[in-house]
C-alpha atoms as a PDB file:
ATOM      1  CA  MET A   1      91.429  69.715 -46.475  1.00  0.00           C
ATOM      2  CA  LYS A   2      88.873  66.694 -45.516  1.00  0.00           C
ATOM      3  CA  GLU A   3      91.302  64.503 -47.265  1.00  0.00           C
ATOM      4  CA  LYS A   4      94.346  65.329 -46.082  1.00  0.00           C
ATOM      5  CA  THR A   5      93.408  64.989 -42.336  1.00  0.00           C
ATOM      6  CA  GLN A   6      92.335  61.301 -43.474  1.00  0.00           C
ATOM      7  CA  LYS A   7      95.289  61.097 -44.939  1.00  0.00           C
ATOM      8  CA  ARG A   8      97.068  62.293 -41.703  1.00  0.00           C
ATOM      9  CA  ARG A   9      95.003  60.408 -39.523  1.00  0.00           C
ATOM     10  CA  TYR A  10      96.129  56.273 -41.273  1.00  0.00           C
ATOM     11  CA  GLU A  11      99.574  57.272 -41.473  1.00  0.00           C
ATOM     12  CA  VAL A  12      99.300  56.732 -37.578  1.00  0.00           C
ATOM     13  CA  THR A  13      98.666  53.566 -35.633  1.00  0.00           C
ATOM     14  CA  LEU A  14      97.276  52.891 -32.843  1.00  0.00           C
ATOM     15  CA  TRP A  15      99.898  50.823 -32.222  1.00  0.00           C
ATOM     16  CA  GLN A  16     102.724  54.161 -32.641  1.00  0.00           C
ATOM     17  CA  LEU A  17      99.832  56.119 -30.306  1.00  0.00           C
ATOM     18  CA  PHE A  18     100.262  53.538 -27.695  1.00  0.00           C
ATOM     19  CA  VAL A  19     104.053  53.979 -27.857  1.00  0.00           C
ATOM     20  CA  THR A  20     104.652  56.926 -28.214  1.00  0.00           C
ATOM     21  CA  PHE A  21     102.366  57.976 -25.436  1.00  0.00           C
ATOM     22  CA  PHE A  22     102.780  54.924 -22.982  1.00  0.00           C
ATOM     23  CA  LYS A  23     107.088  56.327 -23.639  1.00  0.00           C
ATOM     24  CA  LEU A  24     105.495  60.109 -22.769  1.00  0.00           C
ATOM     25  CA  GLY A  25     103.514  58.849 -19.720  1.00  0.00           C
ATOM     26  CA  ALA A  26     106.479  56.897 -17.818  1.00  0.00           C
ATOM     27  CA  PHE A  27     109.497  59.396 -18.302  1.00  0.00           C
ATOM     28  CA  THR A  28     107.684  62.496 -17.391  1.00  0.00           C
ATOM     29  CA  PHE A  29     108.050  63.887 -14.388  1.00  0.00           C
ATOM     30  CA  GLY A  30     107.088  67.391 -12.837  1.00  0.00           C
ATOM     31  CA  GLY A  31     103.611  66.960 -14.057  1.00  0.00           C
ATOM     32  CA  GLY A  32     101.370  67.604 -17.530  1.00  0.00           C
ATOM     33  CA  TYR A  33     102.863  70.533 -17.623  1.00  0.00           C
ATOM     34  CA  ALA A  34     106.092  69.611 -18.141  1.00  0.00           C
ATOM     35  CA  MET A  35     104.814  67.566 -20.333  1.00  0.00           C
ATOM     36  CA  ILE A  36     103.400  70.127 -23.168  1.00  0.00           C
ATOM     37  CA  ALA A  37     107.324  70.737 -24.253  1.00  0.00           C
ATOM     38  CA  LEU A  38     107.812  66.746 -24.849  1.00  0.00           C
ATOM     39  CA  LEU A  39     104.891  66.286 -26.565  1.00  0.00           C
ATOM     40  CA  GLU A  40     105.924  69.723 -29.044  1.00  0.00           C
ATOM     41  CA  GLU A  41     109.226  67.624 -29.395  1.00  0.00           C
ATOM     42  CA  GLU A  42     107.597  64.368 -29.962  1.00  0.00           C
ATOM     43  CA  LEU A  43     104.532  64.258 -31.749  1.00  0.00           C
ATOM     44  CA  VAL A  44     105.455  68.451 -33.848  1.00  0.00           C
ATOM     45  CA  ALA A  45     109.250  68.272 -34.493  1.00  0.00           C
ATOM     46  CA  LYS A  46     109.721  64.347 -34.673  1.00  0.00           C
ATOM     47  CA  LYS A  47     106.821  62.786 -35.750  1.00  0.00           C
ATOM     48  CA  ARG A  48     105.476  65.393 -37.498  1.00  0.00           C
ATOM     49  CA  TRP A  49     101.535  64.226 -36.253  1.00  0.00           C
ATOM     50  CA  ILE A  50     100.382  67.644 -35.524  1.00  0.00           C
ATOM     51  CA  THR A  51     101.066  71.465 -36.485  1.00  0.00           C
ATOM     52  CA  SER A  52     102.750  73.539 -33.643  1.00  0.00           C
ATOM     53  CA  ALA A  53      99.581  75.586 -33.833  1.00  0.00           C
ATOM     54  CA  ASP A  54      97.443  72.371 -33.432  1.00  0.00           C
ATOM     55  CA  MET A  55      99.200  71.724 -30.576  1.00  0.00           C
ATOM     56  CA  LEU A  56      98.157  75.234 -29.050  1.00  0.00           C
ATOM     57  CA  ASP A  57      95.082  74.432 -29.575  1.00  0.00           C
ATOM     58  CA  MET A  58      94.605  71.384 -27.801  1.00  0.00           C
ATOM     59  CA  VAL A  59      96.190  72.560 -25.137  1.00  0.00           C
ATOM     60  CA  VAL A  60      94.325  75.773 -24.572  1.00  0.00           C
ATOM     61  CA  ILE A  61      91.444  72.997 -24.727  1.00  0.00           C
ATOM     62  CA  ALA A  62      93.082  70.906 -22.000  1.00  0.00           C
ATOM     63  CA  GLU A  63      93.608  73.608 -20.223  1.00  0.00           C
ATOM     64  CA  SER A  64      89.924  74.733 -20.072  1.00  0.00           C
ATOM     65  CA  THR A  65      88.200  71.444 -19.620  1.00  0.00           C
ATOM     66  CA  PRO A  66      88.666  69.320 -16.314  1.00  0.00           C
ATOM     67  CA  GLY A  67      91.213  66.708 -15.961  1.00  0.00           C
ATOM     68  CA  VAL A  68      94.758  66.991 -16.275  1.00  0.00           C
ATOM     69  CA  ILE A  69      96.083  68.559 -18.450  1.00  0.00           C
ATOM     70  CA  ALA A  70      98.543  65.458 -19.561  1.00  0.00           C
ATOM     71  CA  VAL A  71      95.563  63.308 -19.858  1.00  0.00           C
ATOM     72  CA  ASN A  72      93.225  65.719 -22.212  1.00  0.00           C
ATOM     73  CA  THR A  73      96.197  66.851 -24.173  1.00  0.00           C
ATOM     74  CA  ALA A  74      96.741  62.997 -24.864  1.00  0.00           C
ATOM     75  CA  THR A  75      93.516  62.696 -25.717  1.00  0.00           C
ATOM     76  CA  SER A  76      93.161  65.185 -28.405  1.00  0.00           C
ATOM     77  CA  VAL A  77      96.440  64.388 -30.267  1.00  0.00           C
ATOM     78  CA  GLY A  78      94.402  60.406 -30.563  1.00  0.00           C
ATOM     79  CA  TYR A  79      91.340  61.775 -31.518  1.00  0.00           C
ATOM     80  CA  ARG A  80      93.038  64.115 -34.206  1.00  0.00           C
ATOM     81  CA  THR A  81      94.914  61.151 -35.426  1.00  0.00           C
ATOM     82  CA  HIS A  82      92.910  58.091 -34.897  1.00  0.00           C
ATOM     83  CA  GLY A  83      89.937  59.729 -34.338  1.00  0.00           C
ATOM     84  CA  VAL A  84      87.950  57.738 -31.093  1.00  0.00           C
ATOM     85  CA  SER A  85      89.315  54.827 -31.587  1.00  0.00           C
ATOM     86  CA  GLY A  86      92.972  56.826 -31.213  1.00  0.00           C
ATOM     87  CA  ALA A  87      91.418  59.007 -28.214  1.00  0.00           C
ATOM     88  CA  ILE A  88      91.312  55.758 -26.394  1.00  0.00           C
ATOM     89  CA  ILE A  89      94.870  54.716 -26.547  1.00  0.00           C
ATOM     90  CA  ALA A  90      96.785  57.545 -26.412  1.00  0.00           C
ATOM     91  CA  THR A  91      94.247  57.834 -23.163  1.00  0.00           C
ATOM     92  CA  LEU A  92      95.815  54.578 -22.024  1.00  0.00           C
ATOM     93  CA  GLY A  93      99.511  54.676 -23.041  1.00  0.00           C
ATOM     94  CA  VAL A  94     100.252  57.984 -21.077  1.00  0.00           C
ATOM     95  CA  VAL A  95      98.244  56.722 -17.938  1.00  0.00           C
ATOM     96  CA  LEU A  96      98.821  53.262 -17.617  1.00  0.00           C
ATOM     97  CA  PRO A  97     102.995  54.037 -16.747  1.00  0.00           C
ATOM     98  CA  SER A  98     101.731  56.204 -13.920  1.00  0.00           C
ATOM     99  CA  PHE A  99      99.392  53.943 -12.664  1.00  0.00           C
ATOM    100  CA  VAL A 100     101.726  50.704 -12.593  1.00  0.00           C
ATOM    101  CA  ILE A 101     104.613  52.753 -10.972  1.00  0.00           C
ATOM    102  CA  ILE A 102     102.267  54.914  -8.176  1.00  0.00           C
ATOM    103  CA  ALA A 103     100.831  51.235  -7.556  1.00  0.00           C
ATOM    104  CA  ALA A 104     104.392  49.665  -6.850  1.00  0.00           C
ATOM    105  CA  LEU A 105     105.788  52.590  -4.830  1.00  0.00           C
ATOM    106  CA  SER A 106     103.319  52.620  -2.955  1.00  0.00           C
ATOM    107  CA  PHE A 107     104.535  49.757  -0.957  1.00  0.00           C
ATOM    108  CA  ALA A 108     107.816  51.399  -0.916  1.00  0.00           C
ATOM    109  CA  ILE A 109     106.679  54.997  -0.220  1.00  0.00           C
ATOM    110  CA  GLU A 110     107.794  54.583   3.074  1.00  0.00           C
ATOM    111  CA  ALA A 111     111.198  53.380   2.570  1.00  0.00           C
ATOM    112  CA  PHE A 112     112.043  56.270  -0.200  1.00  0.00           C
ATOM    113  CA  GLN A 113     110.846  59.342   1.623  1.00  0.00           C
ATOM    114  CA  ASP A 114     113.763  59.829   3.885  1.00  0.00           C
ATOM    115  CA  ASN A 115     116.396  58.595   1.430  1.00  0.00           C
ATOM    116  CA  THR A 116     118.965  61.496   1.331  1.00  0.00           C
ATOM    117  CA  TRP A 117     119.890  60.091  -2.477  1.00  0.00           C
ATOM    118  CA  TYR A 118     116.271  59.936  -3.315  1.00  0.00           C
ATOM    119  CA  LYS A 119     115.685  63.751  -2.185  1.00  0.00           C
ATOM    120  CA  ALA A 120     118.668  64.252  -4.031  1.00  0.00           C
ATOM    121  CA  ALA A 121     117.702  62.764  -7.297  1.00  0.00           C
ATOM    122  CA  PHE A 122     114.672  65.095  -7.442  1.00  0.00           C
ATOM    123  CA  THR A 123     115.746  68.006  -6.475  1.00  0.00           C
ATOM    124  CA  GLY A 124     117.274  67.791 -10.331  1.00  0.00           C
ATOM    125  CA  ILE A 125     113.900  66.426 -12.012  1.00  0.00           C
ATOM    126  CA  GLN A 126     112.745  69.570 -10.104  1.00  0.00           C
ATOM    127  CA  ALA A 127     115.143  71.649 -11.736  1.00  0.00           C
ATOM    128  CA  CYS A 128     114.864  70.332 -15.008  1.00  0.00           C
ATOM    129  CA  VAL A 129     111.298  70.056 -15.198  1.00  0.00           C
ATOM    130  CA  GLY A 130     111.050  74.244 -14.565  1.00  0.00           C
ATOM    131  CA  ILE A 131     113.593  74.877 -17.859  1.00  0.00           C
ATOM    132  CA  LEU A 132     110.932  72.222 -19.751  1.00  0.00           C
ATOM    133  CA  ILE A 133     108.018  74.434 -18.186  1.00  0.00           C
ATOM    134  CA  VAL A 134     109.492  77.507 -19.257  1.00  0.00           C
ATOM    135  CA  ASN A 135     110.623  76.341 -23.091  1.00  0.00           C
ATOM    136  CA  ALA A 136     107.066  75.124 -23.785  1.00  0.00           C
ATOM    137  CA  PHE A 137     106.250  78.415 -22.233  1.00  0.00           C
ATOM    138  CA  VAL A 138     108.497  79.914 -25.006  1.00  0.00           C
ATOM    139  CA  LYS A 139     107.512  78.482 -28.801  1.00  0.00           C
ATOM    140  CA  MET A 140     103.594  78.427 -27.390  1.00  0.00           C
ATOM    141  CA  ALA A 141     103.564  81.799 -27.340  1.00  0.00           C
ATOM    142  CA  GLY A 142     105.547  82.392 -30.198  1.00  0.00           C
ATOM    143  CA  GLN A 143     102.586  80.658 -31.760  1.00  0.00           C
ATOM    144  CA  LEU A 144     100.638  83.668 -30.557  1.00  0.00           C
ATOM    145  CA  GLU A 145      98.909  87.017 -33.459  1.00  0.00           C
ATOM    146  CA  ARG A 146     101.448  88.980 -32.906  1.00  0.00           C
ATOM    147  CA  ASP A 147      99.403  91.858 -32.082  1.00  0.00           C
ATOM    148  CA  TRP A 148      98.769  94.666 -29.131  1.00  0.00           C
ATOM    149  CA  PHE A 149      96.318  92.795 -27.912  1.00  0.00           C
ATOM    150  CA  SER A 150      97.425  89.664 -27.766  1.00  0.00           C
ATOM    151  CA  ALA A 151     100.690  90.811 -26.292  1.00  0.00           C
ATOM    152  CA  ILE A 152      98.771  93.116 -23.311  1.00  0.00           C
ATOM    153  CA  LEU A 153      96.586  89.979 -22.651  1.00  0.00           C
ATOM    154  CA  LEU A 154      99.362  87.698 -22.454  1.00  0.00           C
ATOM    155  CA  ILE A 155     100.981  90.367 -19.833  1.00  0.00           C
ATOM    156  CA  ALA A 156      98.232  90.714 -17.839  1.00  0.00           C
ATOM    157  CA  ALA A 157      97.230  86.775 -17.369  1.00  0.00           C
ATOM    158  CA  PHE A 158     101.375  86.033 -16.412  1.00  0.00           C
ATOM    159  CA  ALA A 159     100.974  88.922 -14.101  1.00  0.00           C
ATOM    160  CA  CYS A 160      97.775  87.686 -12.686  1.00  0.00           C
ATOM    161  CA  ALA A 161      98.842  83.960 -12.560  1.00  0.00           C
ATOM    162  CA  THR A 162     102.090  84.240 -10.906  1.00  0.00           C
ATOM    163  CA  PHE A 163     101.702  87.894  -9.161  1.00  0.00           C
ATOM    164  CA  THR A 164      98.618  87.507  -7.420  1.00  0.00           C
ATOM    165  CA  LYS A 165      96.070  84.392  -6.169  1.00  0.00           C
ATOM    166  CA  PHE A 166      93.624  84.803  -8.987  1.00  0.00           C
ATOM    167  CA  ASN A 167      92.290  81.423  -9.410  1.00  0.00           C
ATOM    168  CA  VAL A 168      93.472  80.105 -12.612  1.00  0.00           C
ATOM    169  CA  ILE A 169      90.046  78.636 -14.007  1.00  0.00           C
ATOM    170  CA  TYR A 170      88.683  82.026 -14.039  1.00  0.00           C
ATOM    171  CA  LEU A 171      91.079  83.576 -15.735  1.00  0.00           C
ATOM    172  CA  ILE A 172      91.028  81.499 -18.315  1.00  0.00           C
ATOM    173  CA  MET A 173      86.991  82.399 -18.224  1.00  0.00           C
ATOM    174  CA  ILE A 174      87.738  85.732 -18.735  1.00  0.00           C
ATOM    175  CA  GLY A 175      89.944  85.341 -21.426  1.00  0.00           C
ATOM    176  CA  ALA A 176      87.556  83.255 -23.488  1.00  0.00           C
ATOM    177  CA  VAL A 177      85.012  86.438 -23.023  1.00  0.00           C
ATOM    178  CA  ILE A 178      87.759  88.956 -23.958  1.00  0.00           C
ATOM    179  CA  GLY A 179      88.915  87.219 -26.814  1.00  0.00           C
ATOM    180  CA  ILE A 180      85.067  86.992 -27.988  1.00  0.00           C
ATOM    181  CA  ALA A 181      84.223  90.430 -26.734  1.00  0.00           C
ATOM    182  CA  TYR A 182      87.442  92.156 -29.260  1.00  0.00           C
ATOM    183  CA  THR A 183      86.428  89.478 -32.221  1.00  0.00           C
ATOM    184  CA  LEU A 184      83.019  90.887 -32.466  1.00  0.00           C
ATOM    185  CA  ILE A 185      84.123  94.447 -32.099  1.00  0.00           C
ATOM    186  CA  LYS A 186      87.155  94.126 -34.843  1.00  0.00           C
ATOM    187  CA  ASN A 187      84.795  92.261 -37.214  1.00  0.00           C
ATOM    188  CA  LYS A 188      81.912  95.115 -36.946  1.00  0.00           C
ATOM    189  CA  VAL A 189      84.790  97.845 -37.072  1.00  0.00           C
ATOM    190  CA  ALA A 190      85.656  96.355 -40.036  1.00  0.00           C
ATOM    191  CA  GLN A 191      82.485  95.821 -41.883  1.00  0.00           C
ATOM    192  CA  LYS A 192      82.003  99.566 -40.795  1.00  0.00           C
ATOM    193  CA  LYS A 193      85.258 100.382 -42.694  1.00  0.00           C
ATOM    194  CA  GLN A 194      83.944  98.389 -45.950  1.00  0.00           C
ATOM    195  CA  ALA A 195      81.220 100.316 -45.675  1.00  0.00           C
ATOM    196  CA  ALA A 196      82.224 103.459 -45.856  1.00  0.00           C
ATOM    197  CA  ASP A 197      84.533 102.462 -48.301  1.00  0.00           C
ATOM    198  CA  GLY A 198      82.229 101.341 -50.560  1.00  0.00           C
ATOM    199  CA  ILE A 199      80.370 105.000 -50.335  1.00  0.00           C
ATOM    200  CA  SER A 200      83.392 106.697 -51.436  1.00  0.00           C
ATOM    201  CA  GLY A 201      83.810 104.873 -54.085  1.00  0.00           C
ATOM    202  CA  ASP A 202      79.954 105.631 -55.226  1.00  0.00           C
ATOM    203  CA  SER A 203      80.641 109.319 -54.522  1.00  0.00           C
ATOM    204  CA  ASP A 204      83.848 109.224 -56.956  1.00  0.00           C
ATOM    205  CA  SER A 205      82.640 107.425 -59.279  1.00  0.00           C
ATOM    206  CA  GLY A 206      79.394 110.153 -59.438  1.00  0.00           C
ATOM    207  CA  GLU A 207      81.668 112.846 -59.799  1.00  0.00           C
ATOM    208  CA  ALA A 208      83.164 111.349 -62.408  1.00  0.00           C
ATOM    209  CA  SER A 209      80.439 111.319 -64.242  1.00  0.00           C
ATOM    210  CA  LEU A 210      79.062 114.805 -63.530  1.00  0.00           C
ATOM    211  CA  ASP A 211      82.570 116.230 -64.887  1.00  0.00           C
ATOM    212  CA  ASN A 212      82.214 113.565 -68.117  1.00  0.00           C
ATOM    213  CA  ALA A 213      78.641 115.732 -68.281  1.00  0.00           C
ATOM    214  CA  PRO A 214      79.801 118.809 -69.957  1.00  0.00           C
ATOM    215  CA  GLN A 215      81.344 117.380 -72.325  1.00  0.00           C
ATOM    216  CA  ASP A 216      78.445 115.258 -74.029  1.00  0.00           C
ATOM    217  CA  GLU A 217      77.407 118.924 -73.737  1.00  0.00           C
ATOM    218  CA  ASP A 218      79.520 120.816 -75.750  1.00  0.00           C
ATOM    219  CA  ALA A 219      79.714 117.288 -78.451  1.00  0.00           C
ATOM    220  CA  ALA A 220      75.686 117.923 -78.585  1.00  0.00           C
ATOM    221  CA  GLY A 221      75.518 121.477 -79.185  1.00  0.00           C
ATOM    222  CA  GLY A 222      78.396 121.306 -81.844  1.00  0.00           C
ATOM    223  CA  SER A 223      75.985 118.516 -83.861  1.00  0.00           C
ATOM    224  CA  ASP A 224      73.664 120.792 -82.910  1.00  0.00           C
ATOM    225  CA  ASP A 225      75.381 123.421 -84.902  1.00  0.00           C
ATOM    226  CA  GLY A 226      76.396 120.987 -87.590  1.00  0.00           C
ATOM    227  CA  ASP A 227      72.960 119.940 -88.213  1.00  0.00           C
ATOM    228  CA  GLY A 228      71.751 123.424 -87.878  1.00  0.00           C
ATOM    229  CA  ALA A 229      73.979 124.743 -90.670  1.00  0.00           C
ATOM    230  CA  ALA A 230      73.529 121.689 -93.000  1.00  0.00           C
ATOM    231  CA  GLN A 231      69.760 123.294 -93.465  1.00  0.00           C
ATOM    232  CA  SER A 232      70.446 126.441 -94.135  1.00  0.00           C
ATOM    233  CA  SER A 233      72.764 125.045 -96.829  1.00  0.00           C
ATOM    234  CA  ALA A 234      69.004 122.451 -98.530  1.00  0.00           C
ATOM    235  CA  GLU A 235      66.757 125.893 -98.069  1.00  0.00           C
ATOM    236  CA  ASN A 236      69.724 128.188-100.320  1.00  0.00           C
ATOM    237  CA  PHE A 237      69.258 125.877-103.129  1.00  0.00           C
ATOM    238  CA  ASN A 238      66.238 125.772-105.538  1.00  0.00           C
ATOM    239  CA  GLY A 239      63.445 123.592-105.785  1.00  0.00           C
ATOM    240  CA  ASP A 240      64.892 121.986-109.228  1.00  0.00           C
ATOM    241  CA  GLY A 241      68.417 121.757-107.762  1.00  0.00           C
ATOM    242  CA  ALA A 242      70.185 124.179-108.635  1.00  0.00           C
ATOM    243  CA  ALA A 243      72.381 126.403-106.657  1.00  0.00           C
ATOM    244  CA  PRO A 244      71.130 130.545-105.571  1.00  0.00           C
ATOM    245  CA  GLN A 245      72.019 132.965-108.237  1.00  0.00           C
ATOM    246  CA  SER A 246      73.752 135.660-106.951  1.00  0.00           C
ATOM    247  CA  SER A 247      72.965 139.419-106.840  1.00  0.00           C
ATOM    248  CA  ASP A 248      75.204 141.073-109.535  1.00  0.00           C
ATOM    249  CA  GLU A 249      73.504 137.986-111.622  1.00  0.00           C
ATOM    250  CA  GLU A 250      69.627 139.126-111.313  1.00  0.00           C
ATOM    251  CA  VAL A 251      71.157 142.987-111.722  1.00  0.00           C
ATOM    252  CA  LYS A 252      72.384 141.932-115.732  1.00  0.00           C
ATOM    253  CA  LYS A 253      68.654 140.415-115.712  1.00  0.00           C
END
């Protein structure tokens, strides 16, 4: 496993990391959640640097740690593909375009604020960003374990985040606690079931040995009967080895 990871790391160069994340940082509108779909498309589908499961784990870690989710995800991907140097290069690549563009637009922001074409363009961009976020949600939801616990937790978290003002940070922390508790309970139940199956197997083997015991006794009894018959036959012979005389021969004598 380590050899495969090392091989995958060296297949990605630092320059490829920088160019990829610079492009993502330059053409991603709508924040970090919009970038998740682009990261999924670019890194998983096209370049295959990471798997869908890796992407889901990185997004969870990026969301659970302080900072912008896009930057945190880029750092995680860079570290996974090229170690510490990859994390630094990927972070610089995703941050640099936004820094340059914001620095350039800050001098003319007042001129563009009331521009009709500017507002019209961002109206269309916002609609596309919403589609990207929904697409990322559907793809990541498909990577979850398909059981009743994951389904209930997903629906409950979505309802709390969408229809209430519940803090997302607390929601993540509660989800982590519930996940740990569920895993511990699940493992304990599995251990008890395994122990019960072991006890049941031992009792079945004991009953089988008891069922075979009468057959062994019958065989032993038969052996004893045979030994007794042989002994009585031996006693009927004379000391010189001759067979015993019958009663008729004794009368004649």
